[in-house]
PDB file of N, CA and C in Angstrom:
ATOM      1  N   MET A   1      -6.974   1.048  -0.676  1.00  0.00           N
ATOM      2  CA  MET A   1      -6.337   2.255  -0.212  1.00  0.00           C
ATOM      3  C   MET A   1      -4.845   1.972  -0.007  1.00  0.00           C
ATOM      4  N   PRO A   2      -3.990   2.834  -0.495  1.00  0.00           N
ATOM      5  CA  PRO A   2      -2.567   2.577  -0.319  1.00  0.00           C
ATOM      6  C   PRO A   2      -2.142   2.763   1.132  1.00  0.00           C
ATOM      7  N   HIS A   3      -1.208   1.955   1.540  1.00  0.00           N
ATOM      8  CA  HIS A   3      -0.655   2.046   2.872  1.00  0.00           C
ATOM      9  C   HIS A   3       0.827   2.332   2.753  1.00  0.00           C
ATOM     10  N   GLU A   4       1.349   3.091   3.699  1.00  0.00           N
ATOM     11  CA  GLU A   4       2.763   3.392   3.671  1.00  0.00           C
ATOM     12  C   GLU A   4       3.555   2.177   4.146  1.00  0.00           C
ATOM     13  N   ARG A   5       4.609   1.855   3.426  1.00  0.00           N
ATOM     14  CA  ARG A   5       5.462   0.729   3.807  1.00  0.00           C
ATOM     15  C   ARG A   5       6.302   1.147   5.015  1.00  0.00           C
ATOM     16  N   ILE A   6       6.397   0.252   5.992  1.00  0.00           N
ATOM     17  CA  ILE A   6       7.114   0.539   7.231  1.00  0.00           C
ATOM     18  C   ILE A   6       8.192  -0.526   7.433  1.00  0.00           C
ATOM     19  N   ARG A   7       9.426  -0.091   7.569  1.00  0.00           N
ATOM     20  CA  ARG A   7      10.552  -0.984   7.843  1.00  0.00           C
ATOM     21  C   ARG A   7      10.638  -1.184   9.352  1.00  0.00           C
ATOM     22  N   VAL A   8      10.953  -2.419   9.790  1.00  0.00           N
ATOM     23  CA  VAL A   8      11.025  -2.742  11.212  1.00  0.00           C
ATOM     24  C   VAL A   8      12.457  -3.127  11.558  1.00  0.00           C
ATOM     25  N   ILE A   9      13.011  -2.473  12.572  1.00  0.00           N
ATOM     26  CA  ILE A   9      14.347  -2.796  13.047  1.00  0.00           C
ATOM     27  C   ILE A   9      14.212  -3.394  14.435  1.00  0.00           C
ATOM     28  N   ASP A  10      14.730  -4.615  14.609  1.00  0.00           N
ATOM     29  CA  ASP A  10      14.720  -5.275  15.911  1.00  0.00           C
ATOM     30  C   ASP A  10      16.094  -5.041  16.539  1.00  0.00           C
ATOM     31  N   HIS A  11      16.180  -4.116  17.484  1.00  0.00           N
ATOM     32  CA  HIS A  11      17.463  -3.779  18.107  1.00  0.00           C
ATOM     33  C   HIS A  11      17.956  -4.869  19.049  1.00  0.00           C
ATOM     34  N   THR A  12      17.079  -5.778  19.449  1.00  0.00           N
ATOM     35  CA  THR A  12      17.472  -6.885  20.312  1.00  0.00           C
ATOM     36  C   THR A  12      18.348  -7.880  19.553  1.00  0.00           C
ATOM     37  N   THR A  13      17.931  -8.214  18.338  1.00  0.00           N
ATOM     38  CA  THR A  13      18.665  -9.203  17.537  1.00  0.00           C
ATOM     39  C   THR A  13      19.498  -8.565  16.424  1.00  0.00           C
ATOM     40  N   GLY A  14      19.223  -7.303  16.107  1.00  0.00           N
ATOM     41  CA  GLY A  14      19.945  -6.641  15.022  1.00  0.00           C
ATOM     42  C   GLY A  14      19.338  -6.888  13.644  1.00  0.00           C
ATOM     43  N   GLU A  15      18.204  -7.585  13.596  1.00  0.00           N
ATOM     44  CA  GLU A  15      17.566  -7.874  12.310  1.00  0.00           C
ATOM     45  C   GLU A  15      16.818  -6.652  11.782  1.00  0.00           C
ATOM     46  N   ILE A  16      16.800  -6.529  10.455  1.00  0.00           N
ATOM     47  CA  ILE A  16      16.044  -5.471   9.786  1.00  0.00           C
ATOM     48  C   ILE A  16      15.056  -6.144   8.845  1.00  0.00           C
ATOM     49  N   PHE A  17      13.784  -5.810   9.005  1.00  0.00           N
ATOM     50  CA  PHE A  17      12.727  -6.383   8.165  1.00  0.00           C
ATOM     51  C   PHE A  17      12.204  -5.302   7.231  1.00  0.00           C
ATOM     52  N   ARG A  18      11.916  -5.660   5.992  1.00  0.00           N
ATOM     53  CA  ARG A  18      11.460  -4.692   4.991  1.00  0.00           C
ATOM     54  C   ARG A  18      10.037  -4.222   5.221  1.00  0.00           C
ATOM     55  N   SER A  19       9.238  -4.982   5.951  1.00  0.00           N
ATOM     56  CA  SER A  19       7.838  -4.610   6.150  1.00  0.00           C
ATOM     57  C   SER A  19       7.294  -5.261   7.419  1.00  0.00           C
ATOM     58  N   LEU A  20       6.108  -4.830   7.823  1.00  0.00           N
ATOM     59  CA  LEU A  20       5.443  -5.420   8.983  1.00  0.00           C
ATOM     60  C   LEU A  20       5.127  -6.888   8.727  1.00  0.00           C
ATOM     61  N   SER A  21       4.704  -7.205   7.500  1.00  0.00           N
ATOM     62  CA  SER A  21       4.331  -8.589   7.187  1.00  0.00           C
ATOM     63  C   SER A  21       5.540  -9.519   7.211  1.00  0.00           C
ATOM     64  N   GLU A  22       6.721  -8.993   6.960  1.00  0.00           N
ATOM     65  CA  GLU A  22       7.935  -9.803   7.052  1.00  0.00           C
ATOM     66  C   GLU A  22       8.360  -9.983   8.511  1.00  0.00           C
ATOM     67  N   ALA A  23       8.156  -8.975   9.338  1.00  0.00           N
ATOM     68  CA  ALA A  23       8.567  -9.026  10.744  1.00  0.00           C
ATOM     69  C   ALA A  23       7.615  -9.851  11.609  1.00  0.00           C
ATOM     70  N   ALA A  24       6.346  -9.839  11.307  1.00  0.00           N
ATOM     71  CA  ALA A  24       5.332 -10.476  12.155  1.00  0.00           C
ATOM     72  C   ALA A  24       5.616 -11.946  12.464  1.00  0.00           C
ATOM     73  N   PRO A  25       5.945 -12.811  11.488  1.00  0.00           N
ATOM     74  CA  PRO A  25       6.196 -14.219  11.823  1.00  0.00           C
ATOM     75  C   PRO A  25       7.399 -14.413  12.761  1.00  0.00           C
ATOM     76  N   HIS A  26       8.405 -13.563  12.651  1.00  0.00           N
ATOM     77  CA  HIS A  26       9.581 -13.676  13.512  1.00  0.00           C
ATOM     78  C   HIS A  26       9.270 -13.287  14.954  1.00  0.00           C
ATOM     79  N   LEU A  27       8.231 -12.463  15.133  1.00  0.00           N
ATOM     80  CA  LEU A  27       7.827 -12.035  16.469  1.00  0.00           C
ATOM     81  C   LEU A  27       6.657 -12.847  17.001  1.00  0.00           C
ATOM     82  N   PHE A  28       6.189 -13.811  16.206  1.00  0.00           N
ATOM     83  CA  PHE A  28       5.080 -14.688  16.569  1.00  0.00           C
ATOM     84  C   PHE A  28       3.795 -13.919  16.837  1.00  0.00           C
ATOM     85  N   VAL A  29       3.513 -12.917  16.019  1.00  0.00           N
ATOM     86  CA  VAL A  29       2.264 -12.158  16.086  1.00  0.00           C
ATOM     87  C   VAL A  29       1.726 -12.010  14.669  1.00  0.00           C
ATOM     88  N   THR A  30       0.484 -11.553  14.569  1.00  0.00           N
ATOM     89  CA  THR A  30      -0.079 -11.287  13.247  1.00  0.00           C
ATOM     90  C   THR A  30       0.379  -9.918  12.765  1.00  0.00           C
ATOM     91  N   CYS A  31       0.311  -9.721  11.479  1.00  0.00           N
ATOM     92  CA  CYS A  31       0.682  -8.432  10.898  1.00  0.00           C
ATOM     93  C   CYS A  31      -0.235  -7.326  11.428  1.00  0.00           C
ATOM     94  N   SER A  32      -1.525  -7.605  11.533  1.00  0.00           N
ATOM     95  CA  SER A  32      -2.459  -6.593  12.029  1.00  0.00           C
ATOM     96  C   SER A  32      -2.195  -6.269  13.501  1.00  0.00           C
ATOM     97  N   GLY A  33      -1.777  -7.266  14.290  1.00  0.00           N
ATOM     98  CA  GLY A  33      -1.440  -7.022  15.688  1.00  0.00           C
ATOM     99  C   GLY A  33      -0.220  -6.127  15.816  1.00  0.00           C
ATOM    100  N   LEU A  34       0.754  -6.337  14.950  1.00  0.00           N
ATOM    101  CA  LEU A  34       1.959  -5.500  14.952  1.00  0.00           C
ATOM    102  C   LEU A  34       1.637  -4.083  14.492  1.00  0.00           C
ATOM    103  N   ALA A  35       0.786  -3.960  13.474  1.00  0.00           N
ATOM    104  CA  ALA A  35       0.378  -2.640  12.978  1.00  0.00           C
ATOM    105  C   ALA A  35      -0.411  -1.883  14.046  1.00  0.00           C
ATOM    106  N   SER A  36      -1.253  -2.596  14.773  1.00  0.00           N
ATOM    107  CA  SER A  36      -2.033  -1.970  15.837  1.00  0.00           C
ATOM    108  C   SER A  36      -1.115  -1.452  16.947  1.00  0.00           C
ATOM    109  N   ALA A  37      -0.124  -2.233  17.312  1.00  0.00           N
ATOM    110  CA  ALA A  37       0.828  -1.804  18.340  1.00  0.00           C
ATOM    111  C   ALA A  37       1.603  -0.575  17.867  1.00  0.00           C
ATOM    112  N   TYR A  38       1.972  -0.558  16.603  1.00  0.00           N
ATOM    113  CA  TYR A  38       2.692   0.585  16.035  1.00  0.00           C
ATOM    114  C   TYR A  38       1.851   1.862  16.110  1.00  0.00           C
ATOM    115  N   ARG A  39       0.556   1.745  15.741  1.00  0.00           N
ATOM    116  CA  ARG A  39      -0.329   2.917  15.770  1.00  0.00           C
ATOM    117  C   ARG A  39      -0.540   3.425  17.196  1.00  0.00           C
ATOM    118  N   LYS A  40      -0.601   2.526  18.171  1.00  0.00           N
ATOM    119  CA  LYS A  40      -0.870   2.917  19.557  1.00  0.00           C
ATOM    120  C   LYS A  40       0.372   3.437  20.288  1.00  0.00           C
ATOM    121  N   ARG A  41       1.533   2.847  19.983  1.00  0.00           N
ATOM    122  CA  ARG A  41       2.717   3.129  20.798  1.00  0.00           C
ATOM    123  C   ARG A  41       3.752   4.041  20.144  1.00  0.00           C
ATOM    124  N   GLY A  42       3.698   4.231  18.840  1.00  0.00           N
ATOM    125  CA  GLY A  42       4.680   5.106  18.191  1.00  0.00           C
ATOM    126  C   GLY A  42       5.797   4.346  17.505  1.00  0.00           C
ATOM    127  N   ASN A  43       6.907   5.043  17.231  1.00  0.00           N
ATOM    128  CA  ASN A  43       7.978   4.486  16.415  1.00  0.00           C
ATOM    129  C   ASN A  43       8.934   3.534  17.135  1.00  0.00           C
ATOM    130  N   ARG A  44       9.052   3.607  18.450  1.00  0.00           N
ATOM    131  CA  ARG A  44       9.987   2.712  19.139  1.00  0.00           C
ATOM    132  C   ARG A  44       9.394   2.271  20.473  1.00  0.00           C
ATOM    133  N   PHE A  45       9.412   0.942  20.702  1.00  0.00           N
ATOM    134  CA  PHE A  45       8.892   0.401  21.949  1.00  0.00           C
ATOM    135  C   PHE A  45       9.327  -1.055  22.110  1.00  0.00           C
ATOM    136  N   ILE A  46       9.139  -1.576  23.294  1.00  0.00           N
ATOM    137  CA  ILE A  46       9.418  -2.980  23.587  1.00  0.00           C
ATOM    138  C   ILE A  46       8.142  -3.764  23.300  1.00  0.00           C
ATOM    139  N   PHE A  47       8.273  -4.834  22.513  1.00  0.00           N
ATOM    140  CA  PHE A  47       7.106  -5.636  22.143  1.00  0.00           C
ATOM    141  C   PHE A  47       7.524  -7.097  22.126  1.00  0.00           C
ATOM    142  N   ALA A  48       6.852  -7.930  22.904  1.00  0.00           N
ATOM    143  CA  ALA A  48       7.126  -9.368  22.970  1.00  0.00           C
ATOM    144  C   ALA A  48       8.606  -9.633  23.246  1.00  0.00           C
ATOM    145  N   GLY A  49       9.221  -8.821  24.119  1.00  0.00           N
ATOM    146  CA  GLY A  49      10.613  -9.022  24.484  1.00  0.00           C
ATOM    147  C   GLY A  49      11.616  -8.504  23.469  1.00  0.00           C
ATOM    148  N   HIS A  50      11.160  -7.785  22.471  1.00  0.00           N
ATOM    149  CA  HIS A  50      12.036  -7.234  21.439  1.00  0.00           C
ATOM    150  C   HIS A  50      11.982  -5.711  21.469  1.00  0.00           C
ATOM    151  N   ASP A  51      13.152  -5.078  21.335  1.00  0.00           N
ATOM    152  CA  ASP A  51      13.240  -3.621  21.254  1.00  0.00           C
ATOM    153  C   ASP A  51      13.060  -3.255  19.783  1.00  0.00           C
ATOM    154  N   LEU A  52      11.864  -2.800  19.415  1.00  0.00           N
ATOM    155  CA  LEU A  52      11.535  -2.550  18.014  1.00  0.00           C
ATOM    156  C   LEU A  52      11.530  -1.070  17.669  1.00  0.00           C
ATOM    157  N   GLU A  53      11.958  -0.783  16.460  1.00  0.00           N
ATOM    158  CA  GLU A  53      11.879   0.574  15.914  1.00  0.00           C
ATOM    159  C   GLU A  53      11.207   0.473  14.549  1.00  0.00           C
ATOM    160  N   PHE A  54      10.232   1.336  14.320  1.00  0.00           N
ATOM    161  CA  PHE A  54       9.500   1.354  13.061  1.00  0.00           C
ATOM    162  C   PHE A  54       9.929   2.583  12.268  1.00  0.00           C
ATOM    163  N   VAL A  55      10.322   2.367  11.023  1.00  0.00           N
ATOM    164  CA  VAL A  55      10.820   3.455  10.186  1.00  0.00           C
ATOM    165  C   VAL A  55       9.971   3.527   8.917  1.00  0.00           C
ATOM    166  N   PRO A  56       9.095   4.534   8.802  1.00  0.00           N
ATOM    167  CA  PRO A  56       8.338   4.688   7.555  1.00  0.00           C
ATOM    168  C   PRO A  56       9.297   4.985   6.404  1.00  0.00           C
ATOM    169  N   THR A  57       9.122   4.313   5.278  1.00  0.00           N
ATOM    170  CA  THR A  57      10.047   4.458   4.152  1.00  0.00           C
ATOM    171  C   THR A  57       9.611   5.515   3.147  1.00  0.00           C
ATOM    172  N   GLY A  58       8.363   5.968   3.236  1.00  0.00           N
ATOM    173  CA  GLY A  58       7.862   6.923   2.253  1.00  0.00           C
ATOM    174  C   GLY A  58       7.276   6.235   1.029  1.00  0.00           C
ATOM    175  N   GLU A  59       7.507   4.924   0.907  1.00  0.00           N
ATOM    176  CA  GLU A  59       6.938   4.161  -0.202  1.00  0.00           C
ATOM    177  C   GLU A  59       5.518   3.757   0.156  1.00  0.00           C
ATOM    178  N   THR A  60       4.701   3.559  -0.860  1.00  0.00           N
ATOM    179  CA  THR A  60       3.349   3.070  -0.624  1.00  0.00           C
ATOM    180  C   THR A  60       3.174   1.718  -1.279  1.00  0.00           C
ATOM    181  N   THR A  61       2.218   0.963  -0.756  1.00  0.00           N
ATOM    182  CA  THR A  61       1.894  -0.327  -1.327  1.00  0.00           C
ATOM    183  C   THR A  61       0.570  -0.237  -2.053  1.00  0.00           C
ATOM    184  N   HIS A  62       0.266  -1.212  -2.825  1.00  0.00           N
ATOM    185  CA  HIS A  62      -1.004  -1.326  -3.557  1.00  0.00           C
ATOM    186  C   HIS A  62      -1.182  -0.265  -4.634  1.00  0.00           C
ATOM    187  N   ARG A  63      -0.123   0.424  -4.990  1.00  0.00           N
ATOM    188  CA  ARG A  63      -0.257   1.448  -6.015  1.00  0.00           C
ATOM    189  C   ARG A  63      -0.111   0.789  -7.382  1.00  0.00           C
ATOM    190  N   ARG A  64      -0.968   1.144  -8.317  1.00  0.00           N
ATOM    191  CA  ARG A  64      -0.963   0.542  -9.648  1.00  0.00           C
ATOM    192  C   ARG A  64      -0.876   1.626 -10.713  1.00  0.00           C
ATOM    193  N   ILE A  65      -0.100   1.347 -11.744  1.00  0.00           N
ATOM    194  CA  ILE A  65      -0.031   2.231 -12.904  1.00  0.00           C
ATOM    195  C   ILE A  65      -1.262   1.928 -13.752  1.00  0.00           C
ATOM    196  N   VAL A  66      -1.904   2.976 -14.258  1.00  0.00           N
ATOM    197  CA  VAL A  66      -3.122   2.820 -15.051  1.00  0.00           C
ATOM    198  C   VAL A  66      -2.885   3.410 -16.435  1.00  0.00           C
ATOM    199  N   ARG A  67      -3.281   2.671 -17.477  1.00  0.00           N
ATOM    200  CA  ARG A  67      -3.112   3.149 -18.838  1.00  0.00           C
ATOM    201  C   ARG A  67      -4.458   3.154 -19.562  1.00  0.00           C
ATOM    202  N   CYS A  68      -4.722   4.236 -20.293  1.00  0.00           N
ATOM    203  CA  CYS A  68      -5.927   4.325 -21.108  1.00  0.00           C
ATOM    204  C   CYS A  68      -5.659   3.596 -22.416  1.00  0.00           C
ATOM    205  N   ILE A  69      -6.512   2.661 -22.771  1.00  0.00           N
ATOM    206  CA  ILE A  69      -6.319   1.862 -23.979  1.00  0.00           C
ATOM    207  C   ILE A  69      -6.485   2.715 -25.237  1.00  0.00           C
ATOM    208  N   GLU A  70      -7.465   3.606 -25.250  1.00  0.00           N
ATOM    209  CA  GLU A  70      -7.730   4.414 -26.445  1.00  0.00           C
ATOM    210  C   GLU A  70      -6.646   5.472 -26.695  1.00  0.00           C
ATOM    211  N   THR A  71      -6.230   6.179 -25.666  1.00  0.00           N
ATOM    212  CA  THR A  71      -5.271   7.274 -25.853  1.00  0.00           C
ATOM    213  C   THR A  71      -3.822   6.859 -25.617  1.00  0.00           C
ATOM    214  N   GLY A  72      -3.606   5.780 -24.889  1.00  0.00           N
ATOM    215  CA  GLY A  72      -2.261   5.334 -24.569  1.00  0.00           C
ATOM    216  C   GLY A  72      -1.616   6.107 -23.423  1.00  0.00           C
ATOM    217  N   LYS A  73      -2.344   7.048 -22.831  1.00  0.00           N
ATOM    218  CA  LYS A  73      -1.802   7.849 -21.741  1.00  0.00           C
ATOM    219  C   LYS A  73      -1.692   7.002 -20.469  1.00  0.00           C
ATOM    220  N   THR A  74      -0.590   7.196 -19.739  1.00  0.00           N
ATOM    221  CA  THR A  74      -0.324   6.432 -18.523  1.00  0.00           C
ATOM    222  C   THR A  74      -0.428   7.337 -17.305  1.00  0.00           C
ATOM    223  N   TYR A  75      -1.026   6.810 -16.236  1.00  0.00           N
ATOM    224  CA  TYR A  75      -1.197   7.545 -14.982  1.00  0.00           C
ATOM    225  C   TYR A  75      -0.507   6.771 -13.864  1.00  0.00           C
ATOM    226  N   PRO A  76       0.089   7.460 -12.887  1.00  0.00           N
ATOM    227  CA  PRO A  76       0.821   6.768 -11.824  1.00  0.00           C
ATOM    228  C   PRO A  76      -0.051   6.033 -10.812  1.00  0.00           C
ATOM    229  N   SER A  77      -1.355   6.326 -10.792  1.00  0.00           N
ATOM    230  CA  SER A  77      -2.234   5.657  -9.830  1.00  0.00           C
ATOM    231  C   SER A  77      -3.678   5.712 -10.315  1.00  0.00           C
ATOM    232  N   VAL A  78      -4.525   4.921  -9.682  1.00  0.00           N
ATOM    233  CA  VAL A  78      -5.953   4.919  -9.982  1.00  0.00           C
ATOM    234  C   VAL A  78      -6.537   6.299  -9.681  1.00  0.00           C
ATOM    235  N   LYS A  79      -6.104   6.889  -8.587  1.00  0.00           N
ATOM    236  CA  LYS A  79      -6.597   8.205  -8.180  1.00  0.00           C
ATOM    237  C   LYS A  79      -6.287   9.262  -9.243  1.00  0.00           C
ATOM    238  N   GLU A  80      -5.070   9.260  -9.773  1.00  0.00           N
ATOM    239  CA  GLU A  80      -4.686  10.235 -10.788  1.00  0.00           C
ATOM    240  C   GLU A  80      -5.457  10.016 -12.090  1.00  0.00           C
ATOM    241  N   ALA A  81      -5.682   8.768 -12.463  1.00  0.00           N
ATOM    242  CA  ALA A  81      -6.446   8.465 -13.675  1.00  0.00           C
ATOM    243  C   ALA A  81      -7.882   8.952 -13.534  1.00  0.00           C
ATOM    244  N   ALA A  82      -8.490   8.694 -12.383  1.00  0.00           N
ATOM    245  CA  ALA A  82      -9.867   9.124 -12.135  1.00  0.00           C
ATOM    246  C   ALA A  82      -9.966  10.645 -12.161  1.00  0.00           C
ATOM    247  N   LYS A  83      -9.001  11.306 -11.559  1.00  0.00           N
ATOM    248  CA  LYS A  83      -8.983  12.768 -11.515  1.00  0.00           C
ATOM    249  C   LYS A  83      -8.862  13.357 -12.919  1.00  0.00           C
ATOM    250  N   ALA A  84      -8.016  12.763 -13.758  1.00  0.00           N
ATOM    251  CA  ALA A  84      -7.809  13.261 -15.118  1.00  0.00           C
ATOM    252  C   ALA A  84      -9.068  13.127 -15.972  1.00  0.00           C
ATOM    253  N   VAL A  85      -9.807  12.045 -15.758  1.00  0.00           N
ATOM    254  CA  VAL A  85     -11.020  11.809 -16.541  1.00  0.00           C
ATOM    255  C   VAL A  85     -12.217  12.563 -15.962  1.00  0.00           C
ATOM    256  N   GLY A  86     -12.165  12.863 -14.662  1.00  0.00           N
ATOM    257  CA  GLY A  86     -13.255  13.593 -14.028  1.00  0.00           C
ATOM    258  C   GLY A  86     -14.307  12.712 -13.404  1.00  0.00           C
ATOM    259  N   VAL A  87     -13.869  11.552 -12.865  1.00  0.00           N
ATOM    260  CA  VAL A  87     -14.798  10.660 -12.176  1.00  0.00           C
ATOM    261  C   VAL A  87     -14.245  10.368 -10.779  1.00  0.00           C
ATOM    262  N   HIS A  88     -15.079   9.790  -9.942  1.00  0.00           N
ATOM    263  CA  HIS A  88     -14.661   9.428  -8.591  1.00  0.00           C
ATOM    264  C   HIS A  88     -13.735   8.212  -8.661  1.00  0.00           C
ATOM    265  N   GLN A  89     -12.789   8.131  -7.739  1.00  0.00           N
ATOM    266  CA  GLN A  89     -11.824   7.043  -7.699  1.00  0.00           C
ATOM    267  C   GLN A  89     -12.507   5.678  -7.576  1.00  0.00           C
ATOM    268  N   ALA A  90     -13.597   5.606  -6.832  1.00  0.00           N
ATOM    269  CA  ALA A  90     -14.320   4.343  -6.657  1.00  0.00           C
ATOM    270  C   ALA A  90     -14.901   3.857  -7.987  1.00  0.00           C
ATOM    271  N   TYR A  91     -15.355   4.786  -8.808  1.00  0.00           N
ATOM    272  CA  TYR A  91     -15.914   4.418 -10.114  1.00  0.00           C
ATOM    273  C   TYR A  91     -14.813   3.869 -11.018  1.00  0.00           C
ATOM    274  N   MET A  92     -13.637   4.512 -10.985  1.00  0.00           N
ATOM    275  CA  MET A  92     -12.511   4.037 -11.782  1.00  0.00           C
ATOM    276  C   MET A  92     -12.069   2.652 -11.311  1.00  0.00           C
ATOM    277  N   SER A  93     -12.035   2.446 -10.000  1.00  0.00           N
ATOM    278  CA  SER A  93     -11.673   1.136  -9.452  1.00  0.00           C
ATOM    279  C   SER A  93     -12.672   0.067  -9.874  1.00  0.00           C
ATOM    280  N   ALA A  94     -13.951   0.414  -9.869  1.00  0.00           N
ATOM    281  CA  ALA A  94     -14.987  -0.530 -10.298  1.00  0.00           C
ATOM    282  C   ALA A  94     -14.774  -0.925 -11.759  1.00  0.00           C
ATOM    283  N   HIS A  95     -14.401   0.029 -12.590  1.00  0.00           N
ATOM    284  CA  HIS A  95     -14.112  -0.256 -14.005  1.00  0.00           C
ATOM    285  C   HIS A  95     -12.900  -1.184 -14.123  1.00  0.00           C
ATOM    286  N   LEU A  96     -11.841  -0.880 -13.397  1.00  0.00           N
ATOM    287  CA  LEU A  96     -10.621  -1.683 -13.470  1.00  0.00           C
ATOM    288  C   LEU A  96     -10.826  -3.104 -12.946  1.00  0.00           C
ATOM    289  N   ASN A  97     -11.781  -3.275 -12.045  1.00  0.00           N
ATOM    290  CA  ASN A  97     -12.087  -4.604 -11.509  1.00  0.00           C
ATOM    291  C   ASN A  97     -13.160  -5.335 -12.305  1.00  0.00           C
ATOM    292  N   GLY A  98     -13.606  -4.727 -13.412  1.00  0.00           N
ATOM    293  CA  GLY A  98     -14.550  -5.391 -14.304  1.00  0.00           C
ATOM    294  C   GLY A  98     -16.013  -5.218 -13.962  1.00  0.00           C
ATOM    295  N   HIS A  99     -16.360  -4.304 -13.079  1.00  0.00           N
ATOM    296  CA  HIS A  99     -17.751  -4.116 -12.683  1.00  0.00           C
ATOM    297  C   HIS A  99     -18.468  -3.054 -13.512  1.00  0.00           C
ATOM    298  N   VAL A 100     -17.706  -2.189 -14.188  1.00  0.00           N
ATOM    299  CA  VAL A 100     -18.263  -1.116 -15.007  1.00  0.00           C
ATOM    300  C   VAL A 100     -17.626  -1.229 -16.384  1.00  0.00           C
ATOM    301  N   GLY A 101     -18.458  -1.124 -17.436  1.00  0.00           N
ATOM    302  CA  GLY A 101     -17.970  -1.324 -18.803  1.00  0.00           C
ATOM    303  C   GLY A 101     -16.973  -0.302 -19.306  1.00  0.00           C
ATOM    304  N   ALA A 102     -17.250   0.963 -19.144  1.00  0.00           N
ATOM    305  CA  ALA A 102     -16.364   2.016 -19.643  1.00  0.00           C
ATOM    306  C   ALA A 102     -16.485   3.242 -18.745  1.00  0.00           C
ATOM    307  N   VAL A 103     -15.479   4.086 -18.809  1.00  0.00           N
ATOM    308  CA  VAL A 103     -15.480   5.327 -18.044  1.00  0.00           C
ATOM    309  C   VAL A 103     -15.449   6.460 -19.059  1.00  0.00           C
ATOM    310  N   LYS A 104     -16.584   7.141 -19.208  1.00  0.00           N
ATOM    311  CA  LYS A 104     -16.713   8.230 -20.189  1.00  0.00           C
ATOM    312  C   LYS A 104     -16.223   7.788 -21.575  1.00  0.00           C
ATOM    313  N   LYS A 105     -16.693   6.595 -21.983  1.00  0.00           N
ATOM    314  CA  LYS A 105     -16.386   5.979 -23.274  1.00  0.00           C
ATOM    315  C   LYS A 105     -14.910   5.623 -23.446  1.00  0.00           C
ATOM    316  N   LEU A 106     -14.176   5.536 -22.348  1.00  0.00           N
ATOM    317  CA  LEU A 106     -12.767   5.146 -22.373  1.00  0.00           C
ATOM    318  C   LEU A 106     -12.587   3.860 -21.568  1.00  0.00           C
ATOM    319  N   HIS A 107     -11.582   3.093 -21.954  1.00  0.00           N
ATOM    320  CA  HIS A 107     -11.272   1.858 -21.252  1.00  0.00           C
ATOM    321  C   HIS A 107      -9.864   1.963 -20.682  1.00  0.00           C
ATOM    322  N   PHE A 108      -9.684   1.437 -19.473  1.00  0.00           N
ATOM    323  CA  PHE A 108      -8.412   1.522 -18.785  1.00  0.00           C
ATOM    324  C   PHE A 108      -7.961   0.127 -18.351  1.00  0.00           C
ATOM    325  N   ARG A 109      -6.655   0.012 -18.167  1.00  0.00           N
ATOM    326  CA  ARG A 109      -6.078  -1.243 -17.696  1.00  0.00           C
ATOM    327  C   ARG A 109      -5.033  -0.912 -16.634  1.00  0.00           C
ATOM    328  N   LYS A 110      -4.956  -1.744 -15.582  1.00  0.00           N
ATOM    329  CA  LYS A 110      -3.975  -1.493 -14.530  1.00  0.00           C
ATOM    330  C   LYS A 110      -2.782  -2.442 -14.670  1.00  0.00           C
ATOM    331  N   PHE A 111      -1.621  -1.945 -14.267  1.00  0.00           N
ATOM    332  CA  PHE A 111      -0.382  -2.706 -14.310  1.00  0.00           C
ATOM    333  C   PHE A 111       0.266  -2.620 -12.939  1.00  0.00           C
ATOM    334  N   PRO A 112       1.012  -3.659 -12.531  1.00  0.00           N
ATOM    335  CA  PRO A 112       1.698  -3.554 -11.241  1.00  0.00           C
ATOM    336  C   PRO A 112       2.768  -2.484 -11.278  1.00  0.00           C
ATOM    337  N   LYS A 113       3.084  -1.954 -10.105  1.00  0.00           N
ATOM    338  CA  LYS A 113       4.084  -0.893  -9.991  1.00  0.00           C
ATOM    339  C   LYS A 113       5.451  -1.383 -10.399  1.00  0.00           C
TER     340      LYS A 113
END
């Protein structure tokens, strides 16, 4: 499932981190612990002695471009490819991960964003 990328600004030190996973080691916490605090407390709060601000960037992670081998058509995501073919997203993901042979007699391949 895609997650929205969140930029972290540490107003105590003036540092700007591109993501939660980049900020977590500097704050001596896990990425999931930082994400949990963000969900519970909102966009700005004091955490581990740091004045933090979280800024959603509108970008998503884990998104993959999908191309149909037979037709050459490209889709911006697994969800869009599944929708175009008329199957559930989970079935398309299973095909892309090698668990299902073909999707309605078509073969697809995923590429990084």
